[in-house]
Amino acid sequence: MLTKNQNIFRWIIVLSSFIIISLILWNTYDFFQKFKHEERTKMQTWSFAQSDFLEGMNDLEADVSGLTTQVMETNTTTPMILVNDEGKIFNIRNIDTTNIRNPQAYLEKLKVRFEKENKPIEVRYKDTIFGTIVYGNSELLNKLKYYPLALILIIILFAAVAYFFYRSTKVAAQNKLWTGMAKETAHQIGTPLSSMVGWTEILRSENVNPDYLKEIEKDIKRLQTITDRFSKIGSVPTLDKVDIISATQDTYDYLKARSSKLIDFEIEAPDNPLYVNLNAQLYSWTIENLVKNAIDAMKGKGQLKITVTNSDKNVYVQVTDSGKGIPKARFKKIFEPGYTSKKRGWGLGLSLSRRIIEDYHQGKIKVLHSELNKGTTIQISLKIIA
């Protein structure tokens, strides 16, 4: 019930935010249009004053020019260009051309832009078109025009921050849960494992076939390795200077001996050692996860190759299979916790592998190449040390 109420509350917040944002944007747009209309009215008044000024020059020059001049001088913000009946610019207002190399070309460009922003206003004198006022938006109007865009960007940034905070909190909770599960699993395995070690000693004293005991001890050692792996989840593992070729070969030999004979295993690596900072057990677990996923992708039959190469700074371990392949859209998604293409899978293997390589070893793991029905190559890259 709590989860349902939380979802309802979340949707109420989202819907309320959307309504508030919509109202702000609409009011801004409405204010912009009204302000634009007022500027046009002001420019029309200015055109009438210009007409009166022209008429006053012939009739009541002294009286009318004083009245119209006062009206004309009130426009100190709106940039405008006066064009005569031949289309030539003969006057400008509120436009600074002091630092312009080619004022005429600059004004022509402004004229074209102003004509797109606002419809020009004709200046008439005795029913004759004396000229045209081409005007642009004032500085305040231009700022207001970009205000909704700035508001949207701020909202997007705020939403992104909220999303990443929510995402990181969710991932942290998942990691805490998995860490607890891993440590509990290690603890649960440890009890019967100790008992098995004791029973092995009893069987040895009873003169049981040594070959049987040898196989039991192998399984006990394997269970101890698994317990040690799970106990390291959630804590910072110890990294040692390890030859990655030797570590890869050991894991390869173990997996090959215990896999189906229908899998054609192959390994290719340099003869000289390549040293990296490594936790051998966790690295072995990663290779094991990749190999098991590859075998599942091939449905237990096909070719599997592990290749180790290097550059001056990095060593690259590639696991290649001849399985069903991965669509390119899922190259990154397969490493997300919980993602699986299996009917019975937890989707933890590759997620855990990425955590081991990237978080614990500061390396990289990715799908290097994949083609549907032909196979996949997943690559691990780690830094070489001297």
Protein backbone atom coordinates (compact mmCIF):
# COMPACT_ATOMS: atom_id res chain seq x y z
CA MET A 1 0.00 0.00 0.00
CA LEU A 2 2.91 2.29 0.78
CA THR A 3 4.41 1.72 -2.67
CA LYS A 4 1.08 2.52 -4.33
CA ASN A 5 0.75 5.77 -2.35
CA GLN A 6 4.33 6.70 -3.25
CA ASN A 7 3.60 6.20 -6.95
CA ILE A 8 0.43 8.31 -6.71
CA PHE A 9 2.34 11.07 -4.90
CA ARG A 10 5.10 10.90 -7.52
CA TRP A 11 2.62 11.30 -10.38
CA ILE A 12 0.90 14.19 -8.57
CA ILE A 13 4.26 15.98 -8.34
CA VAL A 14 5.04 15.32 -12.03
CA LEU A 15 1.57 16.49 -13.15
CA SER A 16 1.68 19.58 -10.92
CA SER A 17 5.15 20.48 -12.22
CA PHE A 18 3.95 20.11 -15.80
CA ILE A 19 0.92 22.36 -15.17
CA ILE A 20 3.03 25.03 -13.43
CA ILE A 21 5.62 25.01 -16.21
CA SER A 22 2.91 25.21 -18.87
CA LEU A 23 1.32 28.19 -17.12
CA ILE A 24 4.66 29.99 -16.81
CA LEU A 25 5.45 29.42 -20.49
CA TRP A 26 1.97 30.51 -21.59
CA ASN A 27 2.06 33.68 -19.47
CA THR A 28 5.52 34.48 -20.81
CA TYR A 29 4.33 34.01 -24.38
CA ASP A 30 1.22 36.11 -23.74
CA PHE A 31 3.29 38.89 -22.15
CA PHE A 32 5.72 38.76 -25.08
CA GLN A 33 2.89 39.20 -27.59
CA LYS A 34 1.37 42.10 -25.64
CA PHE A 35 4.75 43.80 -25.32
CA LYS A 36 5.34 43.30 -29.04
CA HIS A 37 1.93 44.84 -29.80
CA GLU A 38 2.75 47.85 -27.61
CA GLU A 39 6.03 48.37 -29.46
CA ARG A 40 4.19 48.29 -32.78
CA THR A 41 1.68 50.84 -31.46
CA LYS A 42 4.60 53.02 -30.37
CA MET A 43 6.16 52.76 -33.83
CA GLN A 44 2.85 53.63 -35.50
CA THR A 45 2.61 56.71 -33.24
CA TRP A 46 6.15 57.58 -34.24
CA SER A 47 5.20 57.28 -37.94
CA PHE A 48 2.24 59.64 -37.41
CA ALA A 49 4.56 62.08 -35.66
CA GLN A 50 6.94 61.85 -38.59
CA SER A 51 4.10 62.63 -40.99
CA ASP A 52 3.03 65.60 -38.88
CA PHE A 53 6.61 66.77 -38.78
CA LEU A 54 6.84 66.71 -42.57
CA GLU A 55 3.55 68.54 -42.91
CA GLY A 56 4.53 71.06 -40.23
CA MET A 57 7.65 71.99 -42.16
CA ASN A 58 5.36 73.58 -44.75
CA ASP A 59 2.50 74.87 -42.57
CA LEU A 60 2.92 75.40 -38.81
CA GLU A 61 6.55 74.54 -38.56
CA ALA A 62 7.27 76.11 -35.21
CA ASP A 63 4.29 74.73 -33.28
CA VAL A 64 3.94 71.32 -34.82
CA SER A 65 7.62 70.49 -34.98
CA GLY A 66 7.94 71.11 -31.21
CA LEU A 67 5.02 68.79 -30.50
CA THR A 68 6.11 66.04 -32.87
CA THR A 69 9.74 66.24 -31.89
CA GLN A 70 8.81 65.44 -28.31
CA VAL A 71 6.93 62.33 -29.50
CA MET A 72 9.75 61.30 -31.81
CA GLU A 73 12.37 61.68 -29.07
CA THR A 74 10.52 59.25 -26.74
CA ASN A 75 11.75 56.24 -28.78
CA THR A 76 15.13 55.42 -27.26
CA THR A 77 15.01 51.62 -27.24
CA THR A 78 13.52 50.28 -30.45
CA PRO A 79 16.08 50.00 -33.29
CA MET A 80 14.69 51.39 -36.53
CA ILE A 81 15.73 52.13 -40.08
CA LEU A 82 14.01 54.72 -42.28
CA VAL A 83 13.85 53.79 -45.95
CA ASN A 84 12.75 56.23 -48.66
CA ASP A 85 10.28 55.48 -51.46
CA GLU A 86 13.19 54.23 -53.60
CA GLY A 87 14.19 51.60 -51.01
CA LYS A 88 17.34 53.41 -49.88
CA ILE A 89 18.28 53.90 -46.23
CA PHE A 90 18.39 57.58 -45.30
CA ASN A 91 18.15 57.57 -41.50
CA ILE A 92 18.54 55.25 -38.47
CA ARG A 93 17.70 55.43 -34.78
CA ASN A 94 18.98 53.42 -31.77
CA ILE A 95 21.52 51.56 -33.90
CA ASP A 96 25.24 51.93 -33.14
CA THR A 97 27.49 51.62 -36.20
CA THR A 98 30.58 53.22 -34.64
CA ASN A 99 32.74 50.06 -34.67
CA ILE A 100 31.31 48.59 -37.86
CA ARG A 101 33.75 48.39 -40.81
CA ASN A 102 31.04 48.51 -43.47
CA PRO A 103 28.02 50.30 -41.98
CA GLN A 104 25.99 50.21 -45.20
CA ALA A 105 26.26 46.42 -45.60
CA TYR A 106 25.55 45.98 -41.88
CA LEU A 107 22.40 48.12 -42.12
CA GLU A 108 21.20 46.20 -45.16
CA LYS A 109 21.47 42.94 -43.23
CA LEU A 110 19.66 44.49 -40.27
CA LYS A 111 16.94 45.73 -42.62
CA VAL A 112 16.33 42.21 -43.92
CA ARG A 113 16.22 40.81 -40.38
CA PHE A 114 13.90 43.56 -39.12
CA GLU A 115 11.50 42.92 -41.99
CA LYS A 116 11.21 39.31 -40.81
CA GLU A 117 10.71 40.30 -37.17
CA ASN A 118 8.06 42.97 -37.72
CA LYS A 119 5.89 44.21 -40.56
CA PRO A 120 7.26 47.57 -41.83
CA ILE A 121 5.16 50.71 -41.25
CA GLU A 122 4.60 53.25 -44.02
CA VAL A 123 5.14 57.00 -43.42
CA ARG A 124 2.64 59.03 -45.51
CA TYR A 125 2.71 62.67 -46.44
CA LYS A 126 -0.37 64.10 -48.19
CA ASP A 127 -1.58 60.62 -49.25
CA THR A 128 1.84 59.90 -50.69
CA ILE A 129 4.19 57.25 -49.24
CA PHE A 130 7.16 59.28 -48.12
CA GLY A 131 9.08 56.30 -46.76
CA THR A 132 8.95 53.14 -44.64
CA ILE A 133 9.93 52.43 -41.05
CA VAL A 134 11.65 49.08 -40.69
CA TYR A 135 12.09 48.27 -37.01
CA GLY A 136 13.36 45.40 -34.92
CA ASN A 137 12.69 44.12 -31.45
CA SER A 138 14.06 46.13 -28.56
CA GLU A 139 16.78 44.68 -26.33
CA LEU A 140 14.23 43.96 -23.60
CA LEU A 141 11.95 42.16 -26.05
CA ASN A 142 14.83 40.04 -27.34
CA LYS A 143 15.73 39.01 -23.79
CA LEU A 144 12.11 38.19 -23.10
CA LYS A 145 11.97 36.11 -26.28
CA TYR A 146 14.72 33.78 -25.01
CA TYR A 147 13.37 33.61 -21.48
CA PRO A 148 11.13 30.54 -22.12
CA LEU A 149 14.08 28.71 -23.70
CA ALA A 150 16.28 29.49 -20.70
CA LEU A 151 13.47 28.37 -18.41
CA ILE A 152 13.11 25.07 -20.28
CA LEU A 153 16.88 24.46 -20.10
CA ILE A 154 16.86 25.11 -16.35
CA ILE A 155 13.95 22.70 -15.94
CA ILE A 156 15.73 20.04 -18.03
CA LEU A 157 18.90 20.44 -15.94
CA PHE A 158 16.90 20.23 -12.74
CA ALA A 159 15.09 17.10 -14.02
CA ALA A 160 18.43 15.54 -15.03
CA VAL A 161 19.93 16.20 -11.59
CA ALA A 162 16.84 14.74 -9.92
CA TYR A 163 16.93 11.71 -12.21
CA PHE A 164 20.62 10.99 -11.60
CA PHE A 165 20.14 11.45 -7.86
CA TYR A 166 17.23 9.01 -7.92
CA ARG A 167 19.18 6.63 -10.14
CA SER A 168 22.30 6.69 -7.96
CA THR A 169 20.20 6.20 -4.82
CA LYS A 170 18.47 3.22 -6.41
CA VAL A 171 21.76 1.69 -7.56
CA ALA A 172 23.28 2.23 -4.11
CA ALA A 173 20.31 0.43 -2.54
CA GLN A 174 20.66 -2.45 -5.03
CA ASN A 175 24.39 -2.70 -4.36
CA LYS A 176 23.78 -2.78 -0.62
CA LEU A 177 21.20 -5.55 -1.06
CA TRP A 178 23.47 -7.64 -3.31
CA THR A 179 26.40 -7.14 -0.96
CA GLY A 180 24.32 -8.40 1.93
CA MET A 181 23.11 -11.39 -0.11
CA ALA A 182 26.67 -12.23 -1.19
CA LYS A 183 28.07 -12.11 2.34
CA GLU A 184 25.14 -14.13 3.68
CA THR A 185 25.70 -16.74 0.94
CA ALA A 186 29.39 -16.98 1.89
CA HIS A 187 28.39 -17.40 5.52
CA GLN A 188 25.82 -20.10 4.73
CA ILE A 189 28.27 -22.07 2.56
CA GLY A 190 30.99 -21.81 5.19
CA THR A 191 29.18 -23.95 7.79
CA PRO A 192 28.64 -27.15 5.73
CA LEU A 193 32.06 -26.60 4.11
CA SER A 194 33.79 -26.85 7.47
CA SER A 195 31.85 -30.02 8.13
CA MET A 196 32.92 -31.49 4.76
CA VAL A 197 36.59 -30.83 5.60
CA GLY A 198 36.13 -32.75 8.85
CA TRP A 199 34.41 -35.67 7.14
CA THR A 200 37.24 -35.80 4.60
CA GLU A 201 39.74 -36.33 7.39
CA ILE A 202 37.57 -39.13 8.84
CA LEU A 203 37.34 -40.83 5.42
CA ARG A 204 41.11 -40.59 5.05
CA SER A 205 41.55 -42.41 8.37
CA GLU A 206 39.15 -45.12 7.15
CA ASN A 207 41.48 -45.96 4.24
CA VAL A 208 39.00 -44.83 1.55
CA ASN A 209 40.23 -44.87 -2.04
CA PRO A 210 42.63 -41.86 -2.33
CA ASP A 211 41.29 -41.04 -5.80
CA TYR A 212 37.85 -40.47 -4.31
CA LEU A 213 39.29 -38.25 -1.61
CA LYS A 214 41.26 -36.31 -4.22
CA GLU A 215 38.09 -35.47 -6.15
CA ILE A 216 36.25 -34.53 -2.95
CA GLU A 217 39.12 -32.23 -1.99
CA LYS A 218 38.95 -30.57 -5.43
CA ASP A 219 35.28 -29.79 -4.85
CA ILE A 220 36.01 -28.54 -1.34
CA LYS A 221 38.72 -26.26 -2.70
CA ARG A 222 36.28 -25.03 -5.32
CA LEU A 223 33.65 -24.26 -2.66
CA GLN A 224 36.27 -22.43 -0.62
CA THR A 225 37.11 -20.33 -3.67
CA ILE A 226 33.43 -19.51 -4.21
CA THR A 227 33.02 -18.60 -0.53
CA ASP A 228 36.07 -16.34 -0.70
CA ARG A 229 34.70 -14.65 -3.83
CA PHE A 230 31.34 -13.88 -2.27
CA SER A 231 32.92 -12.65 0.96
CA LYS A 232 34.91 -10.04 -1.04
CA ILE A 233 31.76 -8.45 -2.52
CA GLY A 234 31.20 -5.03 -0.95
CA SER A 235 34.74 -4.67 0.37
CA VAL A 236 37.85 -3.37 -1.36
CA PRO A 237 39.84 -6.41 -2.57
CA THR A 238 43.60 -6.70 -2.32
CA LEU A 239 45.37 -6.30 -5.66
CA ASP A 240 48.72 -7.97 -6.27
CA LYS A 241 51.22 -7.92 -9.09
CA VAL A 242 50.06 -10.94 -11.12
CA ASP A 243 50.93 -12.35 -14.52
CA ILE A 244 47.57 -12.09 -16.26
CA ILE A 245 48.53 -14.70 -18.86
CA SER A 246 49.16 -17.27 -16.14
CA ALA A 247 45.94 -16.31 -14.31
CA THR A 248 43.93 -16.57 -17.55
CA GLN A 249 45.52 -19.92 -18.43
CA ASP A 250 44.66 -21.37 -15.00
CA THR A 251 41.02 -20.36 -15.34
CA TYR A 252 40.94 -21.60 -18.93
CA ASP A 253 42.30 -25.03 -17.92
CA TYR A 254 39.78 -25.33 -15.09
CA LEU A 255 36.80 -24.41 -17.28
CA LYS A 256 37.89 -26.56 -20.21
CA ALA A 257 38.20 -29.66 -18.02
CA ARG A 258 34.69 -29.17 -16.64
CA SER A 259 32.82 -28.13 -19.78
CA SER A 260 31.08 -30.14 -22.47
CA LYS A 261 33.26 -31.85 -25.07
CA LEU A 262 31.00 -30.24 -27.66
CA ILE A 263 32.71 -26.90 -26.90
CA ASP A 264 35.85 -26.38 -28.95
CA PHE A 265 38.12 -24.43 -26.55
CA GLU A 266 41.09 -22.40 -27.75
CA ILE A 267 43.45 -19.92 -26.09
CA GLU A 268 45.94 -17.58 -27.72
CA ALA A 269 48.38 -15.51 -25.64
CA PRO A 270 51.94 -14.13 -25.79
CA ASP A 271 54.75 -16.26 -24.41
CA ASN A 272 56.16 -13.51 -22.20
CA PRO A 273 54.38 -12.60 -18.93
CA LEU A 274 52.25 -9.44 -18.69
CA TYR A 275 51.89 -8.06 -15.17
CA VAL A 276 48.86 -6.15 -13.91
CA ASN A 277 47.42 -5.22 -10.51
CA LEU A 278 44.99 -8.07 -10.02
CA ASN A 279 42.90 -9.97 -7.55
CA ALA A 280 43.29 -13.41 -9.09
CA GLN A 281 40.15 -14.90 -7.56
CA LEU A 282 37.84 -12.10 -8.67
CA TYR A 283 39.46 -12.01 -12.12
CA SER A 284 38.96 -15.78 -12.42
CA TRP A 285 35.32 -15.27 -11.48
CA THR A 286 34.94 -12.68 -14.26
CA ILE A 287 36.44 -15.00 -16.90
CA GLU A 288 34.23 -17.79 -15.63
CA ASN A 289 31.11 -15.60 -15.97
CA LEU A 290 32.06 -14.60 -19.52
CA VAL A 291 32.78 -18.19 -20.55
CA LYS A 292 29.55 -19.50 -19.03
CA ASN A 293 27.54 -16.79 -20.80
CA ALA A 294 29.30 -17.67 -24.04
CA ILE A 295 28.46 -21.38 -23.60
CA ASP A 296 24.81 -20.47 -22.91
CA ALA A 297 24.75 -18.30 -26.05
CA MET A 298 26.03 -21.27 -28.08
CA LYS A 299 23.51 -23.61 -26.38
CA GLY A 300 26.33 -25.89 -25.24
CA LYS A 301 27.91 -26.42 -28.66
CA GLY A 302 30.32 -24.29 -30.67
CA GLN A 303 33.70 -22.57 -30.69
CA LEU A 304 35.04 -20.54 -27.77
CA LYS A 305 38.32 -18.67 -27.90
CA ILE A 306 40.17 -16.62 -25.29
CA THR A 307 42.71 -14.20 -26.72
CA VAL A 308 45.24 -12.13 -24.77
CA THR A 309 46.95 -9.23 -26.56
CA ASN A 310 48.66 -6.07 -25.40
CA SER A 311 49.69 -2.55 -26.35
CA ASP A 312 52.32 -0.37 -24.68
CA LYS A 313 50.03 0.52 -21.78
CA ASN A 314 47.19 -2.01 -21.70
CA VAL A 315 46.51 -5.72 -21.87
CA TYR A 316 43.35 -6.94 -23.62
CA VAL A 317 41.56 -10.19 -22.81
CA GLN A 318 38.91 -11.17 -25.35
CA VAL A 319 36.34 -13.96 -24.99
CA THR A 320 34.85 -14.89 -28.37
CA ASP A 321 32.01 -17.33 -29.00
CA SER A 322 30.08 -18.57 -32.03
CA GLY A 323 26.68 -18.08 -30.40
CA LYS A 324 23.50 -16.21 -31.24
CA GLY A 325 25.03 -12.73 -30.94
CA ILE A 326 23.77 -9.55 -29.30
CA PRO A 327 21.85 -6.69 -30.99
CA LYS A 328 23.90 -3.48 -31.02
CA ALA A 329 21.22 -1.65 -29.01
CA ARG A 330 21.91 -4.02 -26.09
CA PHE A 331 25.71 -3.76 -26.01
CA LYS A 332 25.62 -1.64 -22.82
CA LYS A 333 22.34 -2.93 -21.46
CA ILE A 334 23.64 -6.49 -20.91
CA PHE A 335 25.92 -5.17 -18.13
CA GLU A 336 23.02 -3.62 -16.21
CA PRO A 337 21.91 -5.36 -12.99
CA GLY A 338 18.93 -7.64 -13.53
CA TYR A 339 19.17 -7.77 -17.33
CA THR A 340 19.05 -11.31 -18.73
CA SER A 341 17.93 -13.03 -21.93
CA LYS A 342 17.50 -16.35 -20.14
CA LYS A 343 14.18 -17.66 -18.88
CA ARG A 344 15.83 -18.65 -15.62
CA GLY A 345 18.44 -16.06 -14.86
CA TRP A 346 19.10 -13.32 -12.33
CA GLY A 347 21.05 -11.05 -14.64
CA LEU A 348 23.91 -10.67 -12.18
CA GLY A 349 26.86 -12.36 -13.92
CA LEU A 350 27.83 -9.62 -16.38
CA SER A 351 26.85 -6.86 -13.95
CA LEU A 352 29.14 -8.38 -11.35
CA SER A 353 31.90 -8.77 -13.96
CA ARG A 354 31.70 -5.09 -14.81
CA ARG A 355 31.90 -4.16 -11.14
CA ILE A 356 34.94 -6.39 -10.62
CA ILE A 357 36.79 -5.02 -13.67
CA GLU A 358 35.79 -1.34 -13.60
CA ASP A 359 35.26 -0.61 -9.90
CA TYR A 360 37.83 -2.89 -8.31
CA HIS A 361 40.51 -3.02 -11.02
CA GLN A 362 39.96 0.38 -12.72
CA GLY A 363 39.73 -1.35 -16.11
CA LYS A 364 37.15 -1.53 -18.86
CA ILE A 365 34.81 -4.26 -20.05
CA LYS A 366 32.64 -3.98 -23.15
CA VAL A 367 31.13 -5.79 -26.11
CA LEU A 368 33.85 -5.35 -28.71
CA HIS A 369 31.96 -6.94 -31.56
CA SER A 370 28.81 -8.97 -32.08
CA GLU A 371 26.86 -10.21 -35.08
CA LEU A 372 23.53 -11.97 -34.89
CA ASN A 373 23.75 -15.74 -35.36
CA LYS A 374 27.53 -15.49 -35.78
CA GLY A 375 28.96 -14.71 -32.37
CA THR A 376 30.15 -12.18 -29.84
CA THR A 377 33.46 -10.86 -28.53
CA ILE A 378 33.63 -9.29 -25.08
CA GLN A 379 36.84 -7.47 -24.20
CA ILE A 380 38.48 -6.71 -20.85
CA SER A 381 41.23 -4.09 -20.77
CA LEU A 382 43.59 -3.53 -17.83
CA LYS A 383 46.68 -1.37 -17.36
CA ILE A 384 50.07 -3.05 -17.56
CA ILE A 385 52.53 -2.40 -14.74
CA ALA A 386 56.31 -2.72 -14.88
